[in-house]
């Protein structure tokens, strides 16, 4: 799968390629395993993991309606049966203005 092309398909703005490269490196192990490569929007436990492990722990978010943003990304990607975790995370980080967290300084 061409992950960059997938992100470009769903991103609202031009893809921040340095941030995408950083995310690709950070999540290389996750993306290499078939059982963790995709986000299952129909699984409440999966969506809780996205909220707790990515939005709260990785991006440091607490306020606002985190579940609403996750549901919005699910809706945005609904045409794609296999929702790439990398694309899903990219879209969430883009939504919250947190892509710079993945750019090496």
PDB file of N, CA and C in Angstrom:
ATOM      1  N   UNK A   1       0.840  -1.187   0.000  1.00  0.00           N
ATOM      2  CA  UNK A   1       0.000   0.000   0.000  1.00  0.00           C
ATOM      3  C   UNK A   1       0.883   1.248   0.000  1.00  0.00           C
ATOM      4  N   UNK A   2       0.526   2.205  -0.827  1.00  0.00           N
ATOM      5  CA  UNK A   2       1.228   3.480  -0.865  1.00  0.00           C
ATOM      6  C   UNK A   2       0.563   4.391   0.171  1.00  0.00           C
ATOM      7  N   UNK A   3       1.175   4.490   1.340  1.00  0.00           N
ATOM      8  CA  UNK A   3       0.576   5.224   2.447  1.00  0.00           C
ATOM      9  C   UNK A   3       0.494   6.724   2.163  1.00  0.00           C
ATOM     10  N   UNK A   4       1.494   7.270   1.496  1.00  0.00           N
ATOM     11  CA  UNK A   4       1.473   8.695   1.180  1.00  0.00           C
ATOM     12  C   UNK A   4       0.307   9.010   0.242  1.00  0.00           C
ATOM     13  N   UNK A   5       0.087   8.177  -0.762  1.00  0.00           N
ATOM     14  CA  UNK A   5      -1.035   8.379  -1.684  1.00  0.00           C
ATOM     15  C   UNK A   5      -2.362   8.290  -0.931  1.00  0.00           C
ATOM     16  N   UNK A   6      -2.432   7.393   0.049  1.00  0.00           N
ATOM     17  CA  UNK A   6      -3.649   7.253   0.842  1.00  0.00           C
ATOM     18  C   UNK A   6      -3.917   8.519   1.650  1.00  0.00           C
ATOM     19  N   UNK A   7      -2.884   9.065   2.256  1.00  0.00           N
ATOM     20  CA  UNK A   7      -3.040  10.303   3.022  1.00  0.00           C
ATOM     21  C   UNK A   7      -3.469  11.432   2.086  1.00  0.00           C
ATOM     22  N   UNK A   8      -2.835  11.514   0.923  1.00  0.00           N
ATOM     23  CA  UNK A   8      -3.181  12.572  -0.039  1.00  0.00           C
ATOM     24  C   UNK A   8      -4.639  12.471  -0.475  1.00  0.00           C
ATOM     25  N   UNK A   9      -5.149  11.255  -0.539  1.00  0.00           N
ATOM     26  CA  UNK A   9      -6.537  11.038  -0.947  1.00  0.00           C
ATOM     27  C   UNK A   9      -7.518  11.640   0.066  1.00  0.00           C
ATOM     28  N   UNK A  10      -7.165  11.631   1.340  1.00  0.00           N
ATOM     29  CA  UNK A  10      -8.079  12.062   2.392  1.00  0.00           C
ATOM     30  C   UNK A  10      -7.746  13.405   3.032  1.00  0.00           C
ATOM     31  N   UNK A  11      -6.508  13.860   2.937  1.00  0.00           N
ATOM     32  CA  UNK A  11      -6.102  15.106   3.609  1.00  0.00           C
ATOM     33  C   UNK A  11      -6.841  16.300   3.015  1.00  0.00           C
ATOM     34  N   UNK A  12      -7.177  17.233   3.876  1.00  0.00           N
ATOM     35  CA  UNK A  12      -7.910  18.423   3.438  1.00  0.00           C
ATOM     36  C   UNK A  12      -6.979  19.464   2.824  1.00  0.00           C
ATOM     37  N   UNK A  13      -5.718  19.441   3.214  1.00  0.00           N
ATOM     38  CA  UNK A  13      -4.718  20.389   2.701  1.00  0.00           C
ATOM     39  C   UNK A  13      -3.572  19.575   2.097  1.00  0.00           C
ATOM     40  N   UNK A  14      -2.602  20.287   1.554  1.00  0.00           N
ATOM     41  CA  UNK A  14      -1.409  19.609   1.036  1.00  0.00           C
ATOM     42  C   UNK A  14      -0.754  18.833   2.182  1.00  0.00           C
ATOM     43  N   UNK A  15      -0.260  17.657   1.871  1.00  0.00           N
ATOM     44  CA  UNK A  15       0.325  16.799   2.898  1.00  0.00           C
ATOM     45  C   UNK A  15       1.647  17.398   3.389  1.00  0.00           C
ATOM     46  N   UNK A  16       1.789  17.424   4.700  1.00  0.00           N
ATOM     47  CA  UNK A  16       3.030  17.853   5.335  1.00  0.00           C
ATOM     48  C   UNK A  16       3.963  16.635   5.281  1.00  0.00           C
ATOM     49  N   UNK A  17       4.794  16.575   4.240  1.00  0.00           N
ATOM     50  CA  UNK A  17       5.606  15.377   4.025  1.00  0.00           C
ATOM     51  C   UNK A  17       6.629  15.111   5.124  1.00  0.00           C
ATOM     52  N   UNK A  18       7.279  16.132   5.708  1.00  0.00           N
ATOM     53  CA  UNK A  18       8.166  15.829   6.843  1.00  0.00           C
ATOM     54  C   UNK A  18       7.409  15.208   8.019  1.00  0.00           C
ATOM     55  N   UNK A  19       6.204  15.695   8.289  1.00  0.00           N
ATOM     56  CA  UNK A  19       5.394  15.116   9.379  1.00  0.00           C
ATOM     57  C   UNK A  19       4.985  13.697   9.015  1.00  0.00           C
ATOM     58  N   UNK A  20       4.580  13.490   7.764  1.00  0.00           N
ATOM     59  CA  UNK A  20       4.204  12.150   7.322  1.00  0.00           C
ATOM     60  C   UNK A  20       5.385  11.188   7.466  1.00  0.00           C
ATOM     61  N   UNK A  21       6.574  11.631   7.083  1.00  0.00           N
ATOM     62  CA  UNK A  21       7.774  10.783   7.207  1.00  0.00           C
ATOM     63  C   UNK A  21       8.041  10.431   8.667  1.00  0.00           C
ATOM     64  N   UNK A  22       7.877  11.402   9.556  1.00  0.00           N
ATOM     65  CA  UNK A  22       8.062  11.151  10.986  1.00  0.00           C
ATOM     66  C   UNK A  22       7.036  10.169  11.527  1.00  0.00           C
ATOM     67  N   UNK A  23       5.795  10.323  11.087  1.00  0.00           N
ATOM     68  CA  UNK A  23       4.744   9.394  11.524  1.00  0.00           C
ATOM     69  C   UNK A  23       5.022   7.993  10.996  1.00  0.00           C
ATOM     70  N   UNK A  24       5.458   7.920   9.746  1.00  0.00           N
ATOM     71  CA  UNK A  24       5.770   6.611   9.147  1.00  0.00           C
ATOM     72  C   UNK A  24       6.844   5.894   9.951  1.00  0.00           C
ATOM     73  N   UNK A  25       7.837   6.642  10.387  1.00  0.00           N
ATOM     74  CA  UNK A  25       8.920   6.057  11.175  1.00  0.00           C
ATOM     75  C   UNK A  25       8.410   5.648  12.560  1.00  0.00           C
ATOM     76  N   UNK A  26       7.616   6.519  13.179  1.00  0.00           N
ATOM     77  CA  UNK A  26       7.092   6.241  14.525  1.00  0.00           C
ATOM     78  C   UNK A  26       6.182   5.013  14.552  1.00  0.00           C
ATOM     79  N   UNK A  27       5.424   4.819  13.486  1.00  0.00           N
ATOM     80  CA  UNK A  27       4.434   3.745  13.461  1.00  0.00           C
ATOM     81  C   UNK A  27       4.797   2.615  12.501  1.00  0.00           C
ATOM     82  N   UNK A  28       6.067   2.487  12.159  1.00  0.00           N
ATOM     83  CA  UNK A  28       6.505   1.434  11.230  1.00  0.00           C
ATOM     84  C   UNK A  28       6.161   0.042  11.762  1.00  0.00           C
ATOM     85  N   UNK A  29       6.395  -0.207  13.034  1.00  0.00           N
ATOM     86  CA  UNK A  29       6.107  -1.522  13.609  1.00  0.00           C
ATOM     87  C   UNK A  29       4.604  -1.809  13.587  1.00  0.00           C
ATOM     88  N   UNK A  30       3.809  -0.824  13.972  1.00  0.00           N
ATOM     89  CA  UNK A  30       2.352  -0.983  13.970  1.00  0.00           C
ATOM     90  C   UNK A  30       1.856  -1.281  12.552  1.00  0.00           C
ATOM     91  N   UNK A  31       2.409  -0.579  11.568  1.00  0.00           N
ATOM     92  CA  UNK A  31       1.960  -0.731  10.184  1.00  0.00           C
ATOM     93  C   UNK A  31       2.429  -2.057   9.565  1.00  0.00           C
ATOM     94  N   UNK A  32       3.408  -2.694  10.175  1.00  0.00           N
ATOM     95  CA  UNK A  32       3.919  -3.952   9.631  1.00  0.00           C
ATOM     96  C   UNK A  32       3.077  -5.161  10.039  1.00  0.00           C
ATOM     97  N   UNK A  33       2.180  -4.977  10.989  1.00  0.00           N
ATOM     98  CA  UNK A  33       1.363  -6.093  11.483  1.00  0.00           C
ATOM     99  C   UNK A  33      -0.065  -5.988  10.939  1.00  0.00           C
ATOM    100  N   UNK A  34      -0.557  -7.054  10.331  1.00  0.00           N
ATOM    101  CA  UNK A  34      -1.902  -7.011   9.744  1.00  0.00           C
ATOM    102  C   UNK A  34      -3.020  -6.680  10.741  1.00  0.00           C
ATOM    103  N   UNK A  35      -2.870  -7.102  11.984  1.00  0.00           N
ATOM    104  CA  UNK A  35      -3.941  -6.882  12.960  1.00  0.00           C
ATOM    105  C   UNK A  35      -3.935  -5.480  13.573  1.00  0.00           C
ATOM    106  N   UNK A  36      -2.888  -4.701  13.342  1.00  0.00           N
ATOM    107  CA  UNK A  36      -2.847  -3.335  13.876  1.00  0.00           C
ATOM    108  C   UNK A  36      -2.725  -2.276  12.781  1.00  0.00           C
ATOM    109  N   UNK A  37      -2.650  -2.693  11.560  1.00  0.00           N
ATOM    110  CA  UNK A  37      -2.436  -1.787  10.422  1.00  0.00           C
ATOM    111  C   UNK A  37      -3.641  -0.890  10.141  1.00  0.00           C
ATOM    112  N   UNK A  38      -4.818  -1.345  10.519  1.00  0.00           N
ATOM    113  CA  UNK A  38      -6.052  -0.628  10.185  1.00  0.00           C
ATOM    114  C   UNK A  38      -6.836  -0.250  11.436  1.00  0.00           C
ATOM    115  N   UNK A  39      -7.644   0.799  11.318  1.00  0.00           N
ATOM    116  CA  UNK A  39      -8.535   1.231  12.393  1.00  0.00           C
ATOM    117  C   UNK A  39      -9.928   0.705  12.065  1.00  0.00           C
ATOM    118  N   UNK A  40     -10.522   0.020  13.026  1.00  0.00           N
ATOM    119  CA  UNK A  40     -11.881  -0.516  12.856  1.00  0.00           C
ATOM    120  C   UNK A  40     -12.862   0.438  13.526  1.00  0.00           C
ATOM    121  N   UNK A  41     -13.507   1.263  12.725  1.00  0.00           N
ATOM    122  CA  UNK A  41     -14.438   2.266  13.265  1.00  0.00           C
ATOM    123  C   UNK A  41     -15.665   1.642  13.913  1.00  0.00           C
ATOM    124  N   UNK A  42     -15.945   0.393  13.600  1.00  0.00           N
ATOM    125  CA  UNK A  42     -17.116  -0.270  14.189  1.00  0.00           C
ATOM    126  C   UNK A  42     -16.817  -0.902  15.547  1.00  0.00           C
ATOM    127  N   UNK A  43     -15.567  -0.831  16.000  1.00  0.00           N
ATOM    128  CA  UNK A  43     -15.156  -1.453  17.259  1.00  0.00           C
ATOM    129  C   UNK A  43     -14.946  -0.379  18.331  1.00  0.00           C
ATOM    130  N   UNK A  44     -15.850  -0.275  19.310  1.00  0.00           N
ATOM    131  CA  UNK A  44     -15.719   0.753  20.351  1.00  0.00           C
ATOM    132  C   UNK A  44     -14.386   0.675  21.113  1.00  0.00           C
ATOM    133  N   UNK A  45     -13.881  -0.534  21.339  1.00  0.00           N
ATOM    134  CA  UNK A  45     -12.600  -0.679  22.047  1.00  0.00           C
ATOM    135  C   UNK A  45     -11.456  -0.098  21.218  1.00  0.00           C
ATOM    136  N   UNK A  46     -11.520  -0.277  19.918  1.00  0.00           N
ATOM    137  CA  UNK A  46     -10.507   0.278  19.019  1.00  0.00           C
ATOM    138  C   UNK A  46     -10.531   1.809  19.060  1.00  0.00           C
ATOM    139  N   UNK A  47     -11.718   2.375  19.019  1.00  0.00           N
ATOM    140  CA  UNK A  47     -11.849   3.837  19.040  1.00  0.00           C
ATOM    141  C   UNK A  47     -11.382   4.405  20.375  1.00  0.00           C
ATOM    142  N   UNK A  48     -11.603   3.652  21.447  1.00  0.00           N
ATOM    143  CA  UNK A  48     -11.103   4.069  22.761  1.00  0.00           C
ATOM    144  C   UNK A  48      -9.572   4.068  22.771  1.00  0.00           C
ATOM    145  N   UNK A  49      -8.959   3.053  22.149  1.00  0.00           N
ATOM    146  CA  UNK A  49      -7.494   2.999  22.050  1.00  0.00           C
ATOM    147  C   UNK A  49      -6.958   4.201  21.274  1.00  0.00           C
ATOM    148  N   UNK A  50      -7.620   4.549  20.190  1.00  0.00           N
ATOM    149  CA  UNK A  50      -7.190   5.718  19.409  1.00  0.00           C
ATOM    150  C   UNK A  50      -7.242   6.968  20.287  1.00  0.00           C
ATOM    151  N   UNK A  51      -8.340   7.136  21.023  1.00  0.00           N
ATOM    152  CA  UNK A  51      -8.501   8.305  21.898  1.00  0.00           C
ATOM    153  C   UNK A  51      -7.434   8.325  22.999  1.00  0.00           C
ATOM    154  N   UNK A  52      -7.298   7.210  23.700  1.00  0.00           N
ATOM    155  CA  UNK A  52      -6.396   7.173  24.854  1.00  0.00           C
ATOM    156  C   UNK A  52      -4.916   7.170  24.464  1.00  0.00           C
ATOM    157  N   UNK A  53      -4.550   6.321  23.503  1.00  0.00           N
ATOM    158  CA  UNK A  53      -3.129   6.146  23.173  1.00  0.00           C
ATOM    159  C   UNK A  53      -2.595   7.164  22.175  1.00  0.00           C
ATOM    160  N   UNK A  54      -3.424   7.583  21.226  1.00  0.00           N
ATOM    161  CA  UNK A  54      -2.923   8.539  20.246  1.00  0.00           C
ATOM    162  C   UNK A  54      -3.266   9.977  20.635  1.00  0.00           C
ATOM    163  N   UNK A  55      -4.538  10.263  20.791  1.00  0.00           N
ATOM    164  CA  UNK A  55      -4.925  11.653  21.056  1.00  0.00           C
ATOM    165  C   UNK A  55      -4.451  12.145  22.425  1.00  0.00           C
ATOM    166  N   UNK A  56      -4.635  11.341  23.447  1.00  0.00           N
ATOM    167  CA  UNK A  56      -4.254  11.789  24.790  1.00  0.00           C
ATOM    168  C   UNK A  56      -2.757  11.621  25.062  1.00  0.00           C
ATOM    169  N   UNK A  57      -2.239  10.409  24.869  1.00  0.00           N
ATOM    170  CA  UNK A  57      -0.838  10.153  25.217  1.00  0.00           C
ATOM    171  C   UNK A  57       0.128  10.761  24.206  1.00  0.00           C
ATOM    172  N   UNK A  58      -0.078  10.504  22.927  1.00  0.00           N
ATOM    173  CA  UNK A  58       0.880  10.963  21.915  1.00  0.00           C
ATOM    174  C   UNK A  58       0.746  12.458  21.637  1.00  0.00           C
ATOM    175  N   UNK A  59      -0.490  12.938  21.462  1.00  0.00           N
ATOM    176  CA  UNK A  59      -0.676  14.347  21.115  1.00  0.00           C
ATOM    177  C   UNK A  59      -0.900  15.246  22.333  1.00  0.00           C
ATOM    178  N   UNK A  60      -1.129  14.649  23.499  1.00  0.00           N
ATOM    179  CA  UNK A  60      -1.287  15.433  24.725  1.00  0.00           C
ATOM    180  C   UNK A  60      -2.601  16.193  24.815  1.00  0.00           C
ATOM    181  N   UNK A  61      -3.636  15.675  24.181  1.00  0.00           N
ATOM    182  CA  UNK A  61      -4.936  16.350  24.182  1.00  0.00           C
ATOM    183  C   UNK A  61      -5.803  15.857  25.326  1.00  0.00           C
ATOM    184  N   UNK A  62      -6.601  16.737  25.883  1.00  0.00           N
ATOM    185  CA  UNK A  62      -7.542  16.351  26.926  1.00  0.00           C
ATOM    186  C   UNK A  62      -8.893  17.017  26.729  1.00  0.00           C
ATOM    187  N   UNK A  63      -8.886  18.275  26.348  1.00  0.00           N
ATOM    188  CA  UNK A  63     -10.124  19.032  26.225  1.00  0.00           C
ATOM    189  C   UNK A  63     -10.856  18.740  24.931  1.00  0.00           C
ATOM    190  N   UNK A  64     -12.029  19.312  24.827  1.00  0.00           N
ATOM    191  CA  UNK A  64     -12.810  19.153  23.604  1.00  0.00           C
ATOM    192  C   UNK A  64     -13.431  17.774  23.502  1.00  0.00           C
ATOM    193  N   UNK A  65     -14.133  17.564  22.449  1.00  0.00           N
ATOM    194  CA  UNK A  65     -14.788  16.279  22.257  1.00  0.00           C
ATOM    195  C   UNK A  65     -13.933  15.403  21.348  1.00  0.00           C
ATOM    196  N   UNK A  66     -13.037  14.657  21.952  1.00  0.00           N
ATOM    197  CA  UNK A  66     -12.113  13.807  21.201  1.00  0.00           C
ATOM    198  C   UNK A  66     -12.863  12.733  20.423  1.00  0.00           C
ATOM    199  N   UNK A  67     -13.917  12.199  21.021  1.00  0.00           N
ATOM    200  CA  UNK A  67     -14.701  11.157  20.346  1.00  0.00           C
ATOM    201  C   UNK A  67     -15.353  11.701  19.068  1.00  0.00           C
ATOM    202  N   UNK A  68     -15.780  12.954  19.100  1.00  0.00           N
ATOM    203  CA  UNK A  68     -16.405  13.551  17.915  1.00  0.00           C
ATOM    204  C   UNK A  68     -15.408  13.663  16.771  1.00  0.00           C
ATOM    205  N   UNK A  69     -14.154  13.989  17.086  1.00  0.00           N
ATOM    206  CA  UNK A  69     -13.151  14.095  16.022  1.00  0.00           C
ATOM    207  C   UNK A  69     -12.829  12.715  15.446  1.00  0.00           C
ATOM    208  N   UNK A  70     -12.812  11.695  16.291  1.00  0.00           N
ATOM    209  CA  UNK A  70     -12.578  10.329  15.813  1.00  0.00           C
ATOM    210  C   UNK A  70     -13.724   9.909  14.896  1.00  0.00           C
ATOM    211  N   UNK A  71     -14.949  10.184  15.315  1.00  0.00           N
ATOM    212  CA  UNK A  71     -16.117   9.841  14.489  1.00  0.00           C
ATOM    213  C   UNK A  71     -16.099  10.603  13.176  1.00  0.00           C
ATOM    214  N   UNK A  72     -15.647  11.855  13.203  1.00  0.00           N
ATOM    215  CA  UNK A  72     -15.570  12.658  11.973  1.00  0.00           C
ATOM    216  C   UNK A  72     -14.584  12.037  10.983  1.00  0.00           C
ATOM    217  N   UNK A  73     -13.450  11.536  11.488  1.00  0.00           N
ATOM    218  CA  UNK A  73     -12.475  10.885  10.604  1.00  0.00           C
ATOM    219  C   UNK A  73     -13.055   9.570  10.081  1.00  0.00           C
ATOM    220  N   UNK A  74     -13.749   8.830  10.926  1.00  0.00           N
ATOM    221  CA  UNK A  74     -14.415   7.603  10.468  1.00  0.00           C
ATOM    222  C   UNK A  74     -15.379   7.922   9.330  1.00  0.00           C
ATOM    223  N   UNK A  75     -16.144   8.966   9.496  1.00  0.00           N
ATOM    224  CA  UNK A  75     -17.121   9.371   8.476  1.00  0.00           C
ATOM    225  C   UNK A  75     -16.403   9.819   7.199  1.00  0.00           C
ATOM    226  N   UNK A  76     -15.332  10.585   7.359  1.00  0.00           N
ATOM    227  CA  UNK A  76     -14.562  11.090   6.208  1.00  0.00           C
ATOM    228  C   UNK A  76     -13.960   9.937   5.395  1.00  0.00           C
ATOM    229  N   UNK A  77     -13.566   8.866   6.089  1.00  0.00           N
ATOM    230  CA  UNK A  77     -12.923   7.724   5.429  1.00  0.00           C
ATOM    231  C   UNK A  77     -13.887   6.569   5.169  1.00  0.00           C
ATOM    232  N   UNK A  78     -15.190   6.780   5.326  1.00  0.00           N
ATOM    233  CA  UNK A  78     -16.150   5.676   5.279  1.00  0.00           C
ATOM    234  C   UNK A  78     -16.142   4.893   3.967  1.00  0.00           C
ATOM    235  N   UNK A  79     -15.773   5.512   2.876  1.00  0.00           N
ATOM    236  CA  UNK A  79     -15.752   4.811   1.586  1.00  0.00           C
ATOM    237  C   UNK A  79     -14.631   3.770   1.519  1.00  0.00           C
ATOM    238  N   UNK A  80     -13.663   3.883   2.405  1.00  0.00           N
ATOM    239  CA  UNK A  80     -12.511   2.984   2.413  1.00  0.00           C
ATOM    240  C   UNK A  80     -12.727   1.905   3.476  1.00  0.00           C
ATOM    241  N   UNK A  81     -12.872   0.661   3.041  1.00  0.00           N
ATOM    242  CA  UNK A  81     -13.109  -0.431   4.003  1.00  0.00           C
ATOM    243  C   UNK A  81     -11.901  -0.672   4.902  1.00  0.00           C
ATOM    244  N   UNK A  82     -10.707  -0.473   4.368  1.00  0.00           N
ATOM    245  CA  UNK A  82      -9.495  -0.638   5.160  1.00  0.00           C
ATOM    246  C   UNK A  82      -8.936   0.739   5.477  1.00  0.00           C
ATOM    247  N   UNK A  83      -9.245   1.206   6.670  1.00  0.00           N
ATOM    248  CA  UNK A  83      -8.811   2.537   7.099  1.00  0.00           C
ATOM    249  C   UNK A  83      -7.398   2.435   7.674  1.00  0.00           C
ATOM    250  N   UNK A  84      -6.432   2.868   6.889  1.00  0.00           N
ATOM    251  CA  UNK A  84      -5.039   2.830   7.313  1.00  0.00           C
ATOM    252  C   UNK A  84      -4.862   3.614   8.612  1.00  0.00           C
ATOM    253  N   UNK A  85      -4.213   2.980   9.582  1.00  0.00           N
ATOM    254  CA  UNK A  85      -3.958   3.646  10.860  1.00  0.00           C
ATOM    255  C   UNK A  85      -3.106   4.893  10.651  1.00  0.00           C
ATOM    256  N   UNK A  86      -2.156   4.814   9.748  1.00  0.00           N
ATOM    257  CA  UNK A  86      -1.277   5.958   9.488  1.00  0.00           C
ATOM    258  C   UNK A  86      -2.086   7.134   8.937  1.00  0.00           C
ATOM    259  N   UNK A  87      -2.966   6.877   8.000  1.00  0.00           N
ATOM    260  CA  UNK A  87      -3.820   7.929   7.446  1.00  0.00           C
ATOM    261  C   UNK A  87      -4.760   8.463   8.514  1.00  0.00           C
ATOM    262  N   UNK A  88      -5.342   7.574   9.281  1.00  0.00           N
ATOM    263  CA  UNK A  88      -6.276   7.953  10.345  1.00  0.00           C
ATOM    264  C   UNK A  88      -5.584   8.883  11.340  1.00  0.00           C
ATOM    265  N   UNK A  89      -4.395   8.495  11.802  1.00  0.00           N
ATOM    266  CA  UNK A  89      -3.642   9.312  12.751  1.00  0.00           C
ATOM    267  C   UNK A  89      -3.227  10.638  12.133  1.00  0.00           C
ATOM    268  N   UNK A  90      -2.814  10.603  10.871  1.00  0.00           N
ATOM    269  CA  UNK A  90      -2.419  11.841  10.185  1.00  0.00           C
ATOM    270  C   UNK A  90      -3.591  12.828  10.186  1.00  0.00           C
ATOM    271  N   UNK A  91      -4.775  12.340   9.820  1.00  0.00           N
ATOM    272  CA  UNK A  91      -5.953  13.212   9.749  1.00  0.00           C
ATOM    273  C   UNK A  91      -6.309  13.791  11.119  1.00  0.00           C
ATOM    274  N   UNK A  92      -6.178  12.996  12.166  1.00  0.00           N
ATOM    275  CA  UNK A  92      -6.435  13.505  13.513  1.00  0.00           C
ATOM    276  C   UNK A  92      -5.393  14.556  13.907  1.00  0.00           C
ATOM    277  N   UNK A  93      -4.130  14.277  13.641  1.00  0.00           N
ATOM    278  CA  UNK A  93      -3.069  15.235  13.974  1.00  0.00           C
ATOM    279  C   UNK A  93      -3.256  16.529  13.172  1.00  0.00           C
ATOM    280  N   UNK A  94      -3.653  16.398  11.913  1.00  0.00           N
ATOM    281  CA  UNK A  94      -3.920  17.572  11.078  1.00  0.00           C
ATOM    282  C   UNK A  94      -5.083  18.386  11.665  1.00  0.00           C
ATOM    283  N   UNK A  95      -6.134  17.699  12.053  1.00  0.00           N
ATOM    284  CA  UNK A  95      -7.319  18.356  12.623  1.00  0.00           C
ATOM    285  C   UNK A  95      -6.950  19.195  13.849  1.00  0.00           C
ATOM    286  N   UNK A  96      -6.084  18.668  14.695  1.00  0.00           N
ATOM    287  CA  UNK A  96      -5.717  19.343  15.933  1.00  0.00           C
ATOM    288  C   UNK A  96      -4.485  20.236  15.786  1.00  0.00           C
ATOM    289  N   UNK A  97      -3.947  20.359  14.574  1.00  0.00           N
ATOM    290  CA  UNK A  97      -2.778  21.212  14.372  1.00  0.00           C
ATOM    291  C   UNK A  97      -1.531  20.683  15.065  1.00  0.00           C
ATOM    292  N   UNK A  98      -1.408  19.352  15.128  1.00  0.00           N
ATOM    293  CA  UNK A  98      -0.303  18.723  15.868  1.00  0.00           C
ATOM    294  C   UNK A  98       0.681  17.978  14.961  1.00  0.00           C
ATOM    295  N   UNK A  99       0.666  18.239  13.664  1.00  0.00           N
ATOM    296  CA  UNK A  99       1.579  17.521  12.755  1.00  0.00           C
ATOM    297  C   UNK A  99       3.041  17.796  13.087  1.00  0.00           C
ATOM    298  N   UNK A 100       3.350  18.979  13.603  1.00  0.00           N
ATOM    299  CA  UNK A 100       4.741  19.313  13.926  1.00  0.00           C
ATOM    300  C   UNK A 100       5.323  18.400  14.993  1.00  0.00           C
ATOM    301  N   UNK A 101       4.480  17.730  15.760  1.00  0.00           N
ATOM    302  CA  UNK A 101       4.968  16.795  16.787  1.00  0.00           C
ATOM    303  C   UNK A 101       5.739  15.631  16.152  1.00  0.00           C
ATOM    304  N   UNK A 102       5.557  15.423  14.859  1.00  0.00           N
ATOM    305  CA  UNK A 102       6.213  14.303  14.176  1.00  0.00           C
ATOM    306  C   UNK A 102       7.386  14.729  13.297  1.00  0.00           C
ATOM    307  N   UNK A 103       7.683  16.018  13.264  1.00  0.00           N
ATOM    308  CA  UNK A 103       8.772  16.531  12.432  1.00  0.00           C
ATOM    309  C   UNK A 103      10.040  16.549  13.269  1.00  0.00           C
ATOM    310  N   UNK A 104      11.089  15.901  12.735  1.00  0.00           N
ATOM    311  CA  UNK A 104      12.382  15.905  13.432  1.00  0.00           C
ATOM    312  C   UNK A 104      12.965  17.304  13.372  1.00  0.00           C
ATOM    313  N   UNK A 105      13.466  17.743  14.496  1.00  0.00           N
ATOM    314  CA  UNK A 105      14.048  19.088  14.558  1.00  0.00           C
ATOM    315  C   UNK A 105      15.549  19.021  14.526  1.00  0.00           C
TER     316      UNK A 105
END
